[in-house]
Amino acid sequence: MTEAATTLSAKDQKLKEAYFTASQSQLIWQRFKKNKSALFGAWTLIFLIFSGIFAPFLTPYDATIAGRDKDYLNGAPQIPQFCDDSGCSIRPFIYTFERTRSIKTNFRWVTEVKTELEDRRYVTFFSKGQEFKFLGLNFERHLFGVDSGMIHIFGTDSTGKDIYSRTLTAINTSMAVGTIGVFIAFVMALIIGGVAGYYGGWIDSVLQMITDTVRTIPSIPLFMALAAFVPDVWSAEMRFFFISMVLGFIGWPTLARRIRTHLLTERNQEYVLAAQLCGATPKHIIRRHLLPSFTSYIIVDLVISFPYMVLSETALSFIGLGLKDPVNSLGVMLQNVTSADVLLNYQWYFIPVIFFIVLVLAFVFVGDGLRDAADPYSDSK
């Protein structure tokens, strides 16, 4: 046997040893990395999540009515550029404009752009702007701004609010609603599914009746009834937490049934019997022995359930049963694209729709990748 063959054989042996001695999380990660679409979705998801968290810094203006530009209502996106007919600049700039209403356009806004050299407005970075709070501290520096006037790279809406600022803030809000909803559903699923799967018998029958009852409740009539119940005097924060709790309380049955099925299978295993003979309590056995054997699948279910929570919040806000202004969420912003006037004249209103689609697809890709990687010992293709 040649030296190269011996080296290759030793390398293969080390790889095999590493494979069979790797932990479950390491095996899942190795398989997940091989899925290019899932990995791309994960990086996209991380980018969107951090964009939402740091939205106050990344955006130049307040996403609420306090940051509106009353001189640029329904304004088109202002794209910074480096060159024009007057020459090039090392600093990006936008043009000064004048807006008037004309009878020729049915009194719609007509924007006249001034393209002379002296009419340029240069983009600045880490510029001072409206003060905002982050982690309890006050800041006034934003990622970018403009040396005079205001800049709107995604345009403005009918009230003059910056769509770029609203979009990043809306991502953070929708993700927060999804996180609270998933957390509530996760806790309820662990408790109900764990108890039903471990004890079985009449306890399992009663809990499954409750689970089936929750699953059969029609969501749209339920939300319409809840919308009629919510008082108009509720603040935006109270409505936010109410919607999050409702989504959580109706989203647990699927995960609970999966946990129950797994525990019904595992509760008769020898390691469970050994723990019982050592005097371990049912709570300890479920928490320390049974649920950890199902951890990877629970994580996959949580990731997959996130887009459904975001879709539910978006759908509720879209039909007027969820969050409302002045709260910025993806569903609230999608309400603005339902009119034919927007479709014909203000196409930049659809920019948040693109972010919404990308966010949901990223979750789907990551969820599918984790689901495929959750069984590390399956054959790779």
Protein backbone atom coordinates (compact mmCIF):
# COMPACT_ATOMS: atom_id res chain seq x y z
CA MET A 1 0.00 0.00 0.00
CA THR A 2 1.36 3.37 -0.97
CA GLU A 3 1.94 6.21 1.48
CA ALA A 4 -0.83 8.31 -0.15
CA ALA A 5 -3.31 5.45 0.22
CA THR A 6 -2.31 4.98 3.85
CA THR A 7 -2.77 8.71 4.55
CA LEU A 8 -6.16 8.68 2.83
CA SER A 9 -7.25 5.63 4.81
CA ALA A 10 -6.20 7.26 8.09
CA LYS A 11 -8.09 10.40 7.14
CA ASP A 12 -11.23 8.42 6.36
CA GLN A 13 -10.91 6.60 9.65
CA LYS A 14 -10.72 9.90 11.54
CA LEU A 15 -13.79 11.18 9.68
CA LYS A 16 -15.72 8.06 10.61
CA GLU A 17 -14.67 8.37 14.24
CA ALA A 18 -15.69 12.02 14.28
CA TYR A 19 -19.04 11.11 12.72
CA PHE A 20 -19.90 8.39 15.22
CA THR A 21 -18.71 10.36 18.24
CA ALA A 22 -20.37 13.66 17.24
CA SER A 23 -23.25 15.04 19.26
CA GLN A 24 -26.71 15.36 17.81
CA SER A 25 -26.40 19.12 17.37
CA GLN A 26 -23.07 18.72 15.54
CA LEU A 27 -24.56 16.19 13.14
CA ILE A 28 -27.55 18.44 12.47
CA TRP A 29 -25.28 21.40 11.79
CA GLN A 30 -23.11 19.41 9.38
CA ARG A 31 -26.12 18.29 7.37
CA PHE A 32 -27.70 21.74 7.51
CA LYS A 33 -24.56 23.35 6.03
CA LYS A 34 -24.80 21.10 2.98
CA ASN A 35 -28.24 22.52 2.15
CA LYS A 36 -27.37 25.68 0.21
CA SER A 37 -30.91 27.05 0.06
CA ALA A 38 -31.37 26.58 3.82
CA LEU A 39 -28.03 28.24 4.53
CA PHE A 40 -28.90 31.17 2.28
CA GLY A 41 -32.28 31.42 4.00
CA ALA A 42 -30.57 31.44 7.40
CA TRP A 43 -28.26 34.32 6.46
CA THR A 44 -31.20 36.21 4.96
CA LEU A 45 -33.22 35.64 8.10
CA ILE A 46 -30.38 36.83 10.33
CA PHE A 47 -30.02 39.95 8.19
CA LEU A 48 -33.74 40.74 8.41
CA ILE A 49 -33.91 40.09 12.15
CA PHE A 50 -30.96 42.37 12.90
CA SER A 51 -32.38 44.99 10.51
CA GLY A 52 -35.56 45.00 12.56
CA ILE A 53 -33.79 45.08 15.92
CA PHE A 54 -31.51 47.97 14.92
CA ALA A 55 -34.18 49.75 12.88
CA PRO A 56 -33.99 52.99 14.95
CA PHE A 57 -30.32 53.35 13.99
CA LEU A 58 -30.56 52.04 10.42
CA THR A 59 -33.46 54.33 9.53
CA PRO A 60 -33.15 58.11 9.31
CA TYR A 61 -36.56 59.02 10.77
CA ASP A 62 -39.17 57.99 13.28
CA ALA A 63 -41.58 55.43 11.78
CA THR A 64 -44.58 57.05 13.47
CA ILE A 65 -46.36 60.27 12.62
CA ALA A 66 -43.63 62.17 14.47
CA GLY A 67 -41.21 61.49 11.62
CA ARG A 68 -43.41 62.41 8.69
CA ASP A 69 -42.42 64.76 5.88
CA LYS A 70 -45.41 67.03 5.30
CA ASP A 71 -43.80 68.48 2.16
CA TYR A 72 -43.44 65.10 0.43
CA LEU A 73 -46.74 63.22 0.67
CA ASN A 74 -47.00 60.12 -1.53
CA GLY A 75 -43.46 60.87 -2.67
CA ALA A 76 -41.56 58.57 -5.01
CA PRO A 77 -38.33 56.86 -3.85
CA GLN A 78 -35.25 59.07 -3.88
CA ILE A 79 -32.33 56.96 -5.07
CA PRO A 80 -28.86 58.38 -4.25
CA GLN A 81 -26.46 58.54 -7.16
CA PHE A 82 -22.89 59.51 -7.86
CA CYS A 83 -23.05 60.94 -11.40
CA ASP A 84 -25.33 63.13 -13.50
CA ASP A 85 -25.05 65.56 -16.43
CA SER A 86 -23.17 67.99 -14.20
CA GLY A 87 -20.42 65.50 -13.41
CA CYS A 88 -19.58 62.91 -10.77
CA SER A 89 -19.07 63.13 -7.04
CA ILE A 90 -17.37 60.85 -4.52
CA ARG A 91 -20.33 61.44 -2.21
CA PRO A 92 -23.80 60.12 -3.10
CA PHE A 93 -26.45 62.78 -3.56
CA ILE A 94 -30.13 63.32 -4.33
CA TYR A 95 -31.80 66.24 -6.07
CA THR A 96 -33.77 69.13 -4.72
CA PHE A 97 -37.40 69.12 -5.86
CA GLU A 98 -40.48 71.30 -6.00
CA ARG A 99 -44.01 69.88 -5.72
CA THR A 100 -47.22 71.37 -7.04
CA ARG A 101 -50.75 70.15 -7.69
CA SER A 102 -51.91 70.32 -11.29
CA ILE A 103 -55.37 70.20 -12.84
CA LYS A 104 -53.84 68.17 -15.68
CA THR A 105 -53.21 65.29 -13.26
CA ASN A 106 -56.50 65.61 -11.39
CA PHE A 107 -54.77 67.69 -8.73
CA ARG A 108 -52.22 64.99 -7.97
CA TRP A 109 -48.75 65.95 -6.84
CA VAL A 110 -46.36 66.82 -9.65
CA THR A 111 -42.67 66.70 -8.68
CA GLU A 112 -40.23 68.90 -10.57
CA VAL A 113 -36.65 67.77 -10.02
CA LYS A 114 -33.82 70.29 -10.18
CA THR A 115 -30.67 68.74 -11.63
CA GLU A 116 -28.25 71.64 -11.41
CA LEU A 117 -24.99 71.25 -9.51
CA GLU A 118 -26.04 73.68 -6.78
CA ASP A 119 -29.29 71.76 -6.25
CA ARG A 120 -27.62 68.58 -5.09
CA ARG A 121 -28.27 67.38 -1.54
CA TYR A 122 -25.47 65.15 -0.33
CA VAL A 123 -26.01 62.01 1.73
CA THR A 124 -24.28 61.99 5.11
CA PHE A 125 -23.42 59.01 7.29
CA PHE A 126 -23.71 58.68 11.06
CA SER A 127 -25.58 61.95 11.00
CA LYS A 128 -27.52 63.55 13.82
CA GLY A 129 -31.26 63.14 13.66
CA GLN A 130 -34.32 62.46 15.73
CA GLU A 131 -33.52 61.09 19.17
CA PHE A 132 -34.46 57.46 19.84
CA LYS A 133 -34.18 54.98 22.67
CA PHE A 134 -32.33 51.68 22.41
CA LEU A 135 -31.72 49.37 25.37
CA GLY A 136 -32.85 52.14 27.68
CA LEU A 137 -30.30 54.64 26.36
CA ASN A 138 -30.90 57.74 24.26
CA PHE A 139 -29.19 58.08 20.88
CA GLU A 140 -29.40 60.65 18.12
CA ARG A 141 -27.02 59.22 15.51
CA HIS A 142 -28.50 57.44 12.49
CA LEU A 143 -26.76 55.40 9.82
CA PHE A 144 -27.44 57.94 7.09
CA GLY A 145 -29.23 61.19 6.40
CA VAL A 146 -28.92 64.17 4.11
CA ASP A 147 -27.25 67.55 4.62
CA SER A 148 -30.49 69.48 4.02
CA GLY A 149 -34.11 68.45 3.95
CA MET A 150 -35.09 64.76 4.16
CA ILE A 151 -34.31 61.62 2.18
CA HIS A 152 -36.76 58.79 1.44
CA ILE A 153 -35.10 55.89 -0.38
CA PHE A 154 -38.38 53.88 -0.43
CA GLY A 155 -40.62 56.92 -0.85
CA THR A 156 -43.36 58.13 1.50
CA ASP A 157 -46.99 57.24 2.14
CA SER A 158 -50.10 59.43 2.08
CA THR A 159 -49.23 60.98 5.46
CA GLY A 160 -45.59 61.64 4.58
CA LYS A 161 -44.13 58.84 6.73
CA ASP A 162 -40.92 57.28 5.44
CA ILE A 163 -41.70 53.82 4.00
CA TYR A 164 -38.12 52.58 4.55
CA SER A 165 -38.31 53.44 8.25
CA ARG A 166 -41.77 51.90 8.53
CA THR A 167 -40.70 48.69 6.77
CA LEU A 168 -37.77 47.89 9.08
CA THR A 169 -39.84 48.78 12.15
CA ALA A 170 -42.69 46.60 10.85
CA ILE A 171 -40.35 43.61 10.50
CA ASN A 172 -39.36 44.00 14.15
CA THR A 173 -43.01 44.26 15.26
CA SER A 174 -44.17 41.23 13.27
CA MET A 175 -41.22 39.19 14.51
CA ALA A 176 -41.99 40.22 18.10
CA VAL A 177 -45.62 39.12 17.72
CA GLY A 178 -44.44 35.81 16.25
CA THR A 179 -41.90 35.29 19.05
CA ILE A 180 -44.45 35.85 21.82
CA GLY A 181 -47.01 33.66 20.06
CA VAL A 182 -44.51 30.84 19.48
CA PHE A 183 -43.30 31.02 23.10
CA ILE A 184 -46.84 30.72 24.49
CA ALA A 185 -47.65 27.87 22.09
CA PHE A 186 -44.35 26.15 22.95
CA VAL A 187 -44.93 26.24 26.72
CA MET A 188 -48.52 24.99 26.41
CA ALA A 189 -47.50 22.23 23.99
CA LEU A 190 -44.73 21.02 26.31
CA ILE A 191 -47.05 20.90 29.33
CA ILE A 192 -50.12 19.39 27.68
CA GLY A 193 -48.28 17.07 25.29
CA GLY A 194 -45.83 15.97 27.98
CA VAL A 195 -48.48 15.13 30.54
CA ALA A 196 -50.70 13.35 28.00
CA GLY A 197 -47.83 11.32 26.58
CA TYR A 198 -46.30 10.31 29.90
CA TYR A 199 -49.42 9.36 31.87
CA GLY A 200 -51.67 8.13 29.07
CA GLY A 201 -55.01 6.58 30.08
CA TRP A 202 -57.94 8.82 30.95
CA ILE A 203 -55.66 11.86 31.37
CA ASP A 204 -54.50 11.44 27.79
CA SER A 205 -58.10 11.05 26.58
CA VAL A 206 -59.26 14.23 28.32
CA LEU A 207 -56.31 16.30 27.08
CA GLN A 208 -56.76 15.01 23.54
CA MET A 209 -60.42 16.03 23.63
CA ILE A 210 -59.32 19.53 24.60
CA THR A 211 -56.65 19.53 21.89
CA ASP A 212 -59.11 18.41 19.21
CA THR A 213 -61.61 21.03 20.36
CA VAL A 214 -59.05 23.83 19.97
CA ARG A 215 -58.02 22.51 16.55
CA THR A 216 -61.60 22.52 15.28
CA ILE A 217 -62.30 26.14 16.25
CA PRO A 218 -62.58 28.16 12.99
CA SER A 219 -59.98 30.89 13.12
CA ILE A 220 -61.65 33.65 11.09
CA PRO A 221 -64.97 33.68 13.05
CA LEU A 222 -62.95 33.50 16.26
CA PHE A 223 -60.86 36.52 15.29
CA MET A 224 -63.94 38.45 14.18
CA ALA A 225 -65.54 37.80 17.56
CA LEU A 226 -62.37 38.84 19.37
CA ALA A 227 -62.11 41.99 17.25
CA ALA A 228 -65.62 42.94 18.36
CA PHE A 229 -64.60 42.25 21.94
CA VAL A 230 -61.48 44.44 21.90
CA PRO A 231 -62.39 47.94 23.14
CA ASP A 232 -61.45 50.88 20.95
CA VAL A 233 -59.87 52.59 23.95
CA TRP A 234 -57.15 49.95 24.16
CA SER A 235 -53.70 51.27 23.49
CA ALA A 236 -51.55 49.95 20.66
CA GLU A 237 -49.39 48.05 23.19
CA MET A 238 -52.40 46.31 24.78
CA ARG A 239 -53.72 45.30 21.36
CA PHE A 240 -50.24 44.04 20.45
CA PHE A 241 -49.99 41.71 23.44
CA PHE A 242 -53.60 40.59 23.07
CA ILE A 243 -53.06 39.50 19.46
CA SER A 244 -49.81 37.75 20.45
CA MET A 245 -51.52 35.81 23.23
CA VAL A 246 -54.44 34.80 21.01
CA LEU A 247 -52.07 33.48 18.34
CA GLY A 248 -50.20 31.52 20.98
CA PHE A 249 -53.29 30.02 22.60
CA ILE A 250 -54.57 28.62 19.30
CA GLY A 251 -51.19 27.54 17.90
CA TRP A 252 -50.15 24.81 20.36
CA PRO A 253 -52.22 21.69 19.39
CA THR A 254 -50.02 20.46 16.51
CA LEU A 255 -46.78 20.54 18.52
CA ALA A 256 -48.56 19.08 21.57
CA ARG A 257 -49.73 16.07 19.57
CA ARG A 258 -46.23 15.43 18.24
CA ILE A 259 -44.74 15.60 21.74
CA ARG A 260 -47.46 13.26 23.02
CA THR A 261 -46.81 10.73 20.26
CA HIS A 262 -43.08 10.72 20.98
CA LEU A 263 -43.51 10.35 24.74
CA LEU A 264 -46.02 7.52 24.33
CA THR A 265 -43.30 5.66 22.46
CA GLU A 266 -40.42 6.55 24.77
CA ARG A 267 -42.09 6.18 28.19
CA ASN A 268 -41.68 2.38 28.17
CA GLN A 269 -37.97 2.46 27.37
CA GLU A 270 -35.46 1.00 29.80
CA TYR A 271 -33.82 4.30 30.71
CA VAL A 272 -37.22 5.65 31.83
CA LEU A 273 -37.80 2.54 33.96
CA ALA A 274 -34.33 2.98 35.48
CA ALA A 275 -35.11 6.57 36.38
CA GLN A 276 -38.39 5.51 37.98
CA LEU A 277 -36.66 2.83 40.06
CA CYS A 278 -34.18 5.47 41.26
CA GLY A 279 -37.12 7.47 42.63
CA ALA A 280 -37.23 10.20 39.99
CA THR A 281 -40.49 12.14 39.84
CA PRO A 282 -42.56 12.24 36.63
CA LYS A 283 -41.73 15.93 36.23
CA HIS A 284 -38.01 15.16 36.44
CA ILE A 285 -38.26 12.25 33.99
CA ILE A 286 -40.16 14.31 31.43
CA ARG A 287 -37.88 17.34 31.76
CA ARG A 288 -34.48 15.63 32.02
CA HIS A 289 -34.89 12.40 30.04
CA LEU A 290 -37.84 12.36 27.64
CA LEU A 291 -37.94 15.89 26.23
CA PRO A 292 -34.15 16.12 25.53
CA SER A 293 -34.45 13.07 23.29
CA PHE A 294 -36.92 15.07 21.20
CA THR A 295 -35.12 18.42 21.31
CA SER A 296 -34.08 18.62 17.66
CA TYR A 297 -37.61 17.95 16.43
CA ILE A 298 -39.05 20.53 18.82
CA ILE A 299 -36.61 23.14 17.49
CA VAL A 300 -37.62 22.28 13.92
CA ASP A 301 -41.31 22.65 14.81
CA LEU A 302 -40.65 26.02 16.44
CA VAL A 303 -38.83 27.36 13.39
CA ILE A 304 -41.51 26.07 11.03
CA SER A 305 -44.29 27.59 13.16
CA PHE A 306 -42.72 31.07 13.05
CA PRO A 307 -43.82 31.93 9.49
CA TYR A 308 -47.35 30.79 10.29
CA MET A 309 -47.44 33.15 13.27
CA VAL A 310 -46.15 36.01 11.11
CA LEU A 311 -48.66 35.13 8.38
CA SER A 312 -51.48 35.06 10.94
CA GLU A 313 -50.56 38.46 12.33
CA THR A 314 -50.23 39.87 8.83
CA ALA A 315 -53.56 38.41 7.73
CA LEU A 316 -55.36 39.71 10.81
CA SER A 317 -53.92 43.21 10.46
CA PHE A 318 -54.58 43.14 6.72
CA ILE A 319 -58.33 42.53 7.19
CA GLY A 320 -58.51 45.03 10.04
CA LEU A 321 -58.82 42.56 12.94
CA GLY A 322 -55.25 42.79 14.23
CA LEU A 323 -52.84 45.62 14.85
CA LYS A 324 -53.69 49.11 13.65
CA ASP A 325 -51.99 52.45 13.22
CA PRO A 326 -49.90 53.91 14.77
CA VAL A 327 -48.35 50.43 15.24
CA ASN A 328 -46.09 49.53 12.33
CA SER A 329 -46.38 45.88 11.31
CA LEU A 330 -46.21 44.15 7.95
CA GLY A 331 -49.94 43.50 8.08
CA VAL A 332 -50.71 47.15 8.79
CA MET A 333 -48.52 48.24 5.88
CA LEU A 334 -50.14 45.73 3.52
CA GLN A 335 -53.47 47.44 4.15
CA ASN A 336 -52.17 50.37 2.09
CA VAL A 337 -51.79 48.35 -1.13
CA THR A 338 -55.40 47.25 -1.52
CA SER A 339 -56.63 50.18 -3.61
CA ALA A 340 -56.41 50.47 -7.38
CA ASP A 341 -55.09 54.03 -6.97
CA VAL A 342 -51.96 52.69 -5.27
CA LEU A 343 -51.48 50.02 -7.92
CA LEU A 344 -51.68 52.58 -10.74
CA ASN A 345 -49.87 55.57 -9.23
CA TYR A 346 -47.88 54.66 -6.11
CA GLN A 347 -46.15 51.38 -6.86
CA TRP A 348 -43.50 51.94 -4.18
CA TYR A 349 -46.14 51.02 -1.59
CA PHE A 350 -45.44 47.40 -2.60
CA ILE A 351 -41.84 47.46 -1.33
CA PRO A 352 -42.89 46.14 2.13
CA VAL A 353 -44.65 43.27 0.33
CA ILE A 354 -41.28 42.17 -1.07
CA PHE A 355 -39.76 42.17 2.41
CA PHE A 356 -42.71 40.18 3.72
CA ILE A 357 -42.32 37.53 0.99
CA VAL A 358 -38.56 37.29 1.58
CA LEU A 359 -39.08 36.93 5.34
CA VAL A 360 -41.59 34.10 4.98
CA LEU A 361 -39.51 32.30 2.33
CA ALA A 362 -36.41 32.55 4.53
CA PHE A 363 -38.29 30.89 7.39
CA VAL A 364 -39.58 28.19 5.04
CA PHE A 365 -36.10 27.42 3.67
CA VAL A 366 -34.58 27.29 7.16
CA GLY A 367 -37.42 25.13 8.46
CA ASP A 368 -37.13 22.68 5.57
CA GLY A 369 -33.35 22.53 6.03
CA LEU A 370 -33.65 21.82 9.75
CA ARG A 371 -36.33 19.21 9.14
CA ASP A 372 -34.05 17.37 6.70
CA ALA A 373 -31.08 17.69 9.05
CA ALA A 374 -32.98 16.58 12.16
CA ASP A 375 -32.31 12.94 11.23
CA PRO A 376 -28.49 13.01 10.98
CA TYR A 377 -28.17 9.26 10.47
CA SER A 378 -30.29 9.13 7.33
CA ASP A 379 -28.49 8.51 4.07
CA SER A 380 -27.10 11.64 2.35
CA LYS A 381 -27.76 12.09 -1.33
